[in-house]
Amino acid sequence: MRAALMYGAGDVRMEDVPDPKIQQPTDALVRVLRACICGSDLWPYASMEPSEQGERMGHEFLGVVEETGSDLSTLRRGDVVIAPFVWSDNTCEFCREGLHTSCLHGGMWAMNGIDGGQGEALRVPQAEGTLVKVPVGEDSALLPSLLTLSDVLCTGHHCAVTAGVGPRTTVVVIGDGAVGLSAVLSARRLGAERIILMGRHKGRTDLGRDFGASDVVPERDEEGIERVRELTGGHGAHAVLECVGTLPALRTSLGVVRPGGVVSRVGAPQYPEVPMGFPEFMNNITLTGGVAPARAYIEELLPDVLEGRVEPGRVFDRTVGLDGVPDGYRAMADREALKVLVQP
């Protein structure tokens, strides 16, 4: 079968790889219906050292079960399933606490010999704990929105939940990428009173307004902080959703949060230290967030997607086949595409 491998910065290739096979009785084989390129994939795309072997890519996918291991009882051939971006058994003590990303028996796609989602098919370990069946067909128009439940919508939701977003909350979302827009959608879903989106790409911020943003602030750094302060009567926001992962974004977050407020960061941090000193201490600022346990959220968010109350699949603005994956990476890196959908 064919799958995507990254050999270094800017070097993604589609190659033939061994077909997946059942290795454990808890495995399932899944044929990929839809996958996508994640913003976090762009970090190695920009900086990965050259490699002779290449690394499998992709952690967001949904597909159809083709074969099941002998221990599986709830999955059948033909089931359409969503795969969270971390596989897990859904039974260990951390999974029971809703922290599937710390599963004692789980792991990451495209690592340690596990297949990646940017390909034709893959072996799913701990399949019964990982995969979520959805009542749609292989050609459903809902597939793009359902795919967002593998990562990006759940990540935006995690950001809003950990920040304590709710009614009467003023929210600032930093970043107009797919995660930031999903955070806007999630904040609206949780009843935020006001949502300020900090972003400067009009096509994206227009979608952000459709998703629920009441204000858009294109300014950055101190100018952006000052503008948000003006919009919030000088006090700042109750909840700041940091969806970028850079130090300037975090500094901006700390500049626009109000005393007693919460900054939640879900952008993969590209910095080793957090600049929280005495002023943040005196203002009782909380810093939270982290990697989203998508498996813990899928069943909660699924009905809204199935019934059309939210349309998170609108973040996909380009669709490619497998041969188009390398150019999909380039388009996202060059800001020509917001998020690329892969249809094998």
Protein backbone atom coordinates (compact mmCIF):
# COMPACT_ATOMS: atom_id res chain seq x y z
CA MET A 1 0.00 0.00 0.00
CA ARG A 2 0.99 3.66 -0.23
CA ALA A 3 1.69 5.99 2.67
CA ALA A 4 3.35 9.33 3.45
CA LEU A 5 6.88 9.48 4.84
CA MET A 6 8.87 12.54 5.85
CA TYR A 7 12.60 12.42 5.11
CA GLY A 8 13.52 15.87 6.35
CA ALA A 9 12.42 19.48 6.34
CA GLY A 10 10.25 20.09 3.27
CA ASP A 11 10.68 16.50 2.07
CA VAL A 12 7.47 14.45 2.17
CA ARG A 13 7.16 11.48 -0.19
CA MET A 14 4.46 8.97 -1.02
CA GLU A 15 5.95 5.49 -1.05
CA ASP A 16 5.01 1.82 -1.04
CA VAL A 17 5.08 0.34 2.46
CA PRO A 18 4.15 -3.13 3.76
CA ASP A 19 0.43 -3.83 4.04
CA PRO A 20 -0.73 -3.79 7.66
CA LYS A 21 -1.49 -7.12 9.32
CA ILE A 22 -3.16 -8.20 12.54
CA GLN A 23 -0.38 -8.71 15.10
CA GLN A 24 -2.29 -8.87 18.38
CA PRO A 25 -5.78 -10.17 19.20
CA THR A 26 -6.75 -6.60 20.22
CA ASP A 27 -5.84 -5.17 16.78
CA ALA A 28 -8.08 -4.08 13.93
CA LEU A 29 -7.20 -3.25 10.34
CA VAL A 30 -8.78 -0.03 9.10
CA ARG A 31 -9.01 1.25 5.54
CA VAL A 32 -8.67 5.03 5.57
CA LEU A 33 -11.61 7.02 4.21
CA ARG A 34 -10.36 10.48 5.19
CA ALA A 35 -7.21 11.81 6.80
CA CYS A 36 -5.66 15.25 7.03
CA ILE A 37 -2.52 17.25 7.66
CA CYS A 38 -2.19 18.75 11.12
CA GLY A 39 -0.63 22.08 12.04
CA SER A 40 1.69 20.17 14.35
CA ASP A 41 2.98 18.26 11.30
CA LEU A 42 4.38 21.57 10.06
CA TRP A 43 6.91 21.80 12.91
CA PRO A 44 8.99 18.82 11.64
CA TYR A 45 8.23 19.90 8.06
CA ALA A 46 10.10 23.11 8.86
CA SER A 47 12.94 21.70 10.96
CA MET A 48 13.43 17.93 10.68
CA GLU A 49 17.00 16.80 10.09
CA PRO A 50 17.52 14.72 6.95
CA SER A 51 16.95 10.99 7.37
CA GLU A 52 17.70 8.05 5.11
CA GLN A 53 14.71 6.03 6.28
CA GLY A 54 11.95 8.57 6.64
CA GLU A 55 9.18 8.68 9.22
CA ARG A 56 5.55 7.69 8.72
CA MET A 57 3.13 10.59 9.05
CA GLY A 58 -0.46 11.27 10.06
CA HIS A 59 -2.46 11.04 13.28
CA GLU A 60 -5.95 12.21 12.20
CA PHE A 61 -8.11 9.74 10.28
CA LEU A 62 -11.39 7.92 10.04
CA GLY A 63 -12.03 4.78 8.11
CA VAL A 64 -13.72 1.41 7.71
CA VAL A 65 -12.91 -1.71 9.70
CA GLU A 66 -11.65 -4.40 7.33
CA GLU A 67 -10.48 -7.09 9.76
CA THR A 68 -10.58 -7.64 13.52
CA GLY A 69 -8.43 -9.51 16.02
CA SER A 70 -9.86 -12.44 17.95
CA ASP A 71 -10.41 -10.47 21.18
CA LEU A 72 -12.66 -7.85 19.61
CA SER A 73 -16.39 -8.17 20.26
CA THR A 74 -17.92 -4.75 19.50
CA LEU A 75 -16.26 -3.97 16.17
CA ARG A 76 -17.27 -5.59 12.90
CA ARG A 77 -16.06 -5.49 9.32
CA GLY A 78 -17.73 -2.54 7.59
CA ASP A 79 -18.01 -0.31 10.67
CA VAL A 80 -17.15 3.33 9.99
CA VAL A 81 -14.93 4.51 12.81
CA ILE A 82 -13.17 7.62 14.10
CA ALA A 83 -9.67 7.20 15.49
CA PRO A 84 -8.50 9.71 18.14
CA PHE A 85 -4.99 11.02 17.55
CA VAL A 86 -3.67 8.85 20.40
CA TRP A 87 -4.57 5.17 20.65
CA SER A 88 -5.54 3.83 24.08
CA ASP A 89 -7.20 0.91 25.83
CA ASN A 90 -9.97 3.09 27.39
CA THR A 91 -9.81 0.97 30.55
CA CYS A 92 -6.62 1.86 32.47
CA GLU A 93 -6.76 4.18 35.48
CA PHE A 94 -5.79 7.25 33.43
CA CYS A 95 -8.33 6.49 30.71
CA ARG A 96 -11.01 6.08 33.38
CA GLU A 97 -10.07 9.58 34.59
CA GLY A 98 -10.51 10.96 31.07
CA LEU A 99 -6.79 11.24 30.36
CA HIS A 100 -6.42 8.87 27.44
CA THR A 101 -3.26 10.64 26.29
CA SER A 102 -1.53 9.11 29.32
CA CYS A 103 -2.91 5.60 28.78
CA LEU A 104 -0.68 2.96 30.37
CA HIS A 105 -1.04 0.74 27.31
CA GLY A 106 -1.43 3.33 24.54
CA GLY A 107 0.74 5.32 22.21
CA MET A 108 1.01 7.63 19.21
CA TRP A 109 0.31 6.93 15.57
CA ALA A 110 3.28 6.82 13.17
CA MET A 111 5.71 6.04 16.01
CA ASN A 112 7.47 2.92 17.32
CA GLY A 113 6.42 0.77 14.40
CA ILE A 114 2.76 1.88 14.39
CA ASP A 115 1.26 2.93 11.06
CA GLY A 116 0.43 6.55 10.29
CA GLY A 117 -2.93 7.88 9.17
CA GLN A 118 -1.71 9.47 5.93
CA GLY A 119 -1.93 6.28 3.91
CA GLU A 120 -4.32 3.72 2.51
CA ALA A 121 -4.76 1.61 5.63
CA LEU A 122 -3.28 0.89 9.04
CA ARG A 123 -3.21 -1.45 11.98
CA VAL A 124 -5.00 -0.06 15.03
CA PRO A 125 -3.71 -1.36 18.38
CA GLN A 126 -6.16 -1.53 21.30
CA ALA A 127 -8.86 -1.12 18.69
CA GLU A 128 -11.90 -1.55 20.93
CA GLY A 129 -10.68 1.11 23.33
CA THR A 130 -9.53 3.46 20.57
CA LEU A 131 -12.06 3.44 17.76
CA VAL A 132 -15.49 5.10 17.96
CA LYS A 133 -18.18 3.78 15.63
CA VAL A 134 -20.33 6.35 13.82
CA PRO A 135 -23.71 5.69 12.17
CA VAL A 136 -22.88 6.93 8.70
CA GLY A 137 -21.95 5.43 5.38
CA GLU A 138 -18.60 5.54 3.59
CA ASP A 139 -19.77 8.37 1.33
CA SER A 140 -21.46 10.53 3.98
CA ALA A 141 -21.23 14.29 3.51
CA LEU A 142 -20.48 14.47 7.24
CA LEU A 143 -17.10 12.76 6.94
CA PRO A 144 -15.03 16.00 7.00
CA SER A 145 -16.77 17.21 10.17
CA LEU A 146 -16.54 13.77 11.76
CA LEU A 147 -12.84 13.72 10.98
CA THR A 148 -12.31 16.83 13.12
CA LEU A 149 -13.29 14.70 16.13
CA SER A 150 -10.04 12.80 15.72
CA ASP A 151 -8.12 15.87 16.87
CA VAL A 152 -8.81 19.47 15.97
CA LEU A 153 -12.37 19.95 17.29
CA CYS A 154 -11.57 18.00 20.45
CA THR A 155 -8.43 20.09 20.92
CA GLY A 156 -10.39 23.33 20.64
CA HIS A 157 -12.97 21.93 23.04
CA HIS A 158 -10.27 20.87 25.51
CA CYS A 159 -8.83 24.37 25.40
CA ALA A 160 -12.21 25.93 26.18
CA VAL A 161 -13.11 23.42 28.89
CA THR A 162 -9.82 23.70 30.77
CA ALA A 163 -10.10 27.49 30.61
CA GLY A 164 -13.51 27.33 32.27
CA VAL A 165 -15.46 28.85 29.38
CA GLY A 166 -19.16 29.22 30.07
CA PRO A 167 -22.02 31.75 30.13
CA ARG A 168 -21.02 35.32 31.04
CA THR A 169 -17.42 34.51 30.01
CA THR A 170 -15.35 36.85 27.84
CA VAL A 171 -12.95 34.76 25.78
CA VAL A 172 -9.89 35.64 23.72
CA VAL A 173 -8.73 33.07 21.17
CA ILE A 174 -5.15 33.50 19.97
CA GLY A 175 -4.50 32.00 16.55
CA ASP A 176 -6.66 31.72 13.42
CA GLY A 177 -5.50 28.26 12.41
CA ALA A 178 -7.77 25.23 12.47
CA VAL A 179 -7.33 24.73 16.22
CA GLY A 180 -8.02 28.40 16.96
CA LEU A 181 -11.17 28.34 14.84
CA SER A 182 -12.24 25.13 16.57
CA ALA A 183 -11.67 26.88 19.89
CA VAL A 184 -13.96 29.70 18.76
CA LEU A 185 -16.63 27.15 17.81
CA SER A 186 -16.18 25.37 21.14
CA ALA A 187 -16.39 28.58 23.16
CA ARG A 188 -19.65 29.47 21.43
CA ARG A 189 -20.98 25.96 22.03
CA LEU A 190 -20.21 26.34 25.75
CA GLY A 191 -22.12 29.59 25.91
CA ALA A 192 -19.41 32.27 26.01
CA GLU A 193 -20.83 35.77 26.16
CA ARG A 194 -18.14 37.35 23.99
CA ILE A 195 -15.39 35.84 21.84
CA ILE A 196 -12.47 37.92 20.57
CA LEU A 197 -10.37 36.24 17.88
CA MET A 198 -6.78 37.40 17.45
CA GLY A 199 -5.76 36.66 13.87
CA ARG A 200 -4.80 38.51 10.73
CA HIS A 201 -5.79 36.26 7.80
CA LYS A 202 -9.15 37.56 6.60
CA GLY A 203 -10.43 34.36 5.07
CA ARG A 204 -9.81 32.57 8.34
CA THR A 205 -11.14 35.30 10.61
CA ASP A 206 -14.29 35.54 8.45
CA LEU A 207 -14.83 31.83 9.18
CA GLY A 208 -14.12 32.61 12.82
CA ARG A 209 -16.95 35.12 12.80
CA ASP A 210 -19.23 32.47 11.31
CA PHE A 211 -18.15 30.13 14.12
CA GLY A 212 -19.05 32.69 16.78
CA ALA A 213 -16.34 35.36 17.13
CA SER A 214 -17.85 38.73 17.99
CA ASP A 215 -14.64 40.71 17.43
CA VAL A 216 -11.44 40.23 15.43
CA VAL A 217 -8.13 41.76 16.48
CA PRO A 218 -5.48 41.60 13.73
CA GLU A 219 -2.83 43.50 15.68
CA ARG A 220 -0.02 41.58 17.36
CA ASP A 221 2.21 41.88 20.43
CA GLU A 222 1.80 45.06 22.51
CA GLU A 223 -0.50 46.67 19.95
CA GLY A 224 -2.76 43.62 20.02
CA ILE A 225 -2.72 43.50 23.82
CA GLU A 226 -3.71 47.15 23.99
CA ARG A 227 -6.56 46.61 21.53
CA VAL A 228 -7.96 43.66 23.52
CA ARG A 229 -7.72 45.69 26.72
CA GLU A 230 -9.71 48.45 25.05
CA LEU A 231 -12.41 45.98 24.00
CA THR A 232 -12.66 44.59 27.53
CA GLY A 233 -12.88 47.86 29.43
CA GLY A 234 -9.23 47.65 30.42
CA HIS A 235 -9.66 44.46 32.42
CA GLY A 236 -8.85 41.68 29.96
CA ALA A 237 -10.59 38.34 29.33
CA HIS A 238 -11.79 35.70 31.76
CA ALA A 239 -10.42 32.95 29.51
CA VAL A 240 -7.61 33.04 26.96
CA LEU A 241 -7.31 30.13 24.53
CA GLU A 242 -3.73 29.95 23.20
CA CYS A 243 -3.79 27.87 20.02
CA VAL A 244 -0.41 28.63 18.44
CA GLY A 245 2.39 27.28 20.62
CA THR A 246 4.98 30.06 20.30
CA LEU A 247 6.43 32.21 23.05
CA PRO A 248 5.03 35.47 21.59
CA ALA A 249 1.55 33.90 21.62
CA LEU A 250 1.93 32.97 25.27
CA ARG A 251 3.21 36.44 26.16
CA THR A 252 0.18 37.91 24.43
CA SER A 253 -2.07 35.51 26.36
CA LEU A 254 -0.64 36.69 29.66
CA GLY A 255 -1.06 40.28 28.50
CA VAL A 256 -4.78 39.99 27.76
CA VAL A 257 -5.99 37.81 30.64
CA ARG A 258 -7.78 39.56 33.50
CA PRO A 259 -6.90 39.15 37.19
CA GLY A 260 -8.19 35.77 38.34
CA GLY A 261 -8.41 34.60 34.73
CA VAL A 262 -7.22 31.45 33.02
CA VAL A 263 -4.85 30.92 30.10
CA SER A 264 -5.22 27.52 28.44
CA ARG A 265 -2.57 26.51 25.93
CA VAL A 266 -3.10 23.70 23.44
CA GLY A 267 -0.66 24.80 20.75
CA ALA A 268 2.30 22.39 20.96
CA PRO A 269 4.81 24.58 22.85
CA GLN A 270 7.94 25.51 20.92
CA TYR A 271 9.67 26.97 24.00
CA PRO A 272 11.18 25.41 27.15
CA GLU A 273 10.22 27.97 29.79
CA VAL A 274 7.02 29.79 30.77
CA PRO A 275 7.30 33.52 31.59
CA MET A 276 5.08 33.55 34.67
CA GLY A 277 6.59 35.72 37.38
CA PHE A 278 5.51 37.91 40.25
CA PRO A 279 2.89 39.99 38.33
CA GLU A 280 1.05 36.82 37.24
CA PHE A 281 1.34 35.48 40.79
CA MET A 282 -0.13 38.65 42.25
CA ASN A 283 -3.01 38.58 39.75
CA ASN A 284 -3.87 34.93 40.48
CA ILE A 285 -3.46 33.89 36.85
CA THR A 286 -3.93 30.20 36.12
CA LEU A 287 -2.01 28.50 33.29
CA THR A 288 -3.51 25.22 32.14
CA GLY A 289 -4.21 23.25 28.96
CA GLY A 290 -2.06 20.55 27.44
CA VAL A 291 -2.57 17.80 24.91
CA ALA A 292 -6.26 17.02 24.41
CA PRO A 293 -7.59 13.58 25.40
CA ALA A 294 -9.75 13.41 22.29
CA ARG A 295 -11.15 9.96 23.12
CA ALA A 296 -12.71 11.44 26.27
CA TYR A 297 -14.66 14.04 24.28
CA ILE A 298 -15.80 12.31 21.10
CA GLU A 299 -19.07 10.87 22.39
CA GLU A 300 -20.02 14.24 23.94
CA LEU A 301 -19.39 16.19 20.74
CA LEU A 302 -20.59 13.59 18.24
CA PRO A 303 -24.34 14.32 18.42
CA ASP A 304 -23.83 17.99 17.57
CA VAL A 305 -21.88 16.98 14.46
CA LEU A 306 -24.32 14.27 13.39
CA GLU A 307 -27.30 16.59 13.82
CA GLY A 308 -25.63 19.52 12.07
CA ARG A 309 -25.61 21.93 15.00
CA VAL A 310 -21.91 22.52 14.37
CA GLU A 311 -19.96 22.24 11.10
CA PRO A 312 -16.30 21.98 12.08
CA GLY A 313 -15.45 20.40 8.72
CA ARG A 314 -15.51 23.90 7.25
CA VAL A 315 -11.90 24.28 8.40
CA PHE A 316 -10.88 22.09 5.45
CA ASP A 317 -10.32 24.33 2.47
CA ARG A 318 -8.37 21.99 0.21
CA THR A 319 -8.79 18.29 -0.65
CA VAL A 320 -6.05 16.10 -2.13
CA GLY A 321 -5.54 12.46 -2.95
CA LEU A 322 -2.57 10.54 -1.63
CA ASP A 323 -0.33 11.77 -4.44
CA GLY A 324 -1.21 15.35 -3.44
CA VAL A 325 -0.08 15.00 0.18
CA PRO A 326 3.42 16.48 -0.37
CA ASP A 327 1.91 19.55 -2.04
CA GLY A 328 -0.65 19.71 0.76
CA TYR A 329 2.17 20.12 3.25
CA ARG A 330 3.67 22.86 1.12
CA ALA A 331 0.35 24.67 0.78
CA MET A 332 -0.21 24.68 4.53
CA ALA A 333 3.35 25.76 5.26
CA ASP A 334 3.01 28.62 2.75
CA ARG A 335 -0.38 29.66 4.22
CA GLU A 336 -2.11 28.85 0.95
CA ALA A 337 -4.39 26.39 2.76
CA LEU A 338 -5.89 26.43 6.23
CA LYS A 339 -6.19 22.65 6.62
CA VAL A 340 -5.81 19.98 3.96
CA LEU A 341 -8.18 17.02 3.76
CA VAL A 342 -6.75 13.77 2.36
CA GLN A 343 -9.08 11.44 0.48
CA PRO A 344 -7.22 8.23 -0.48
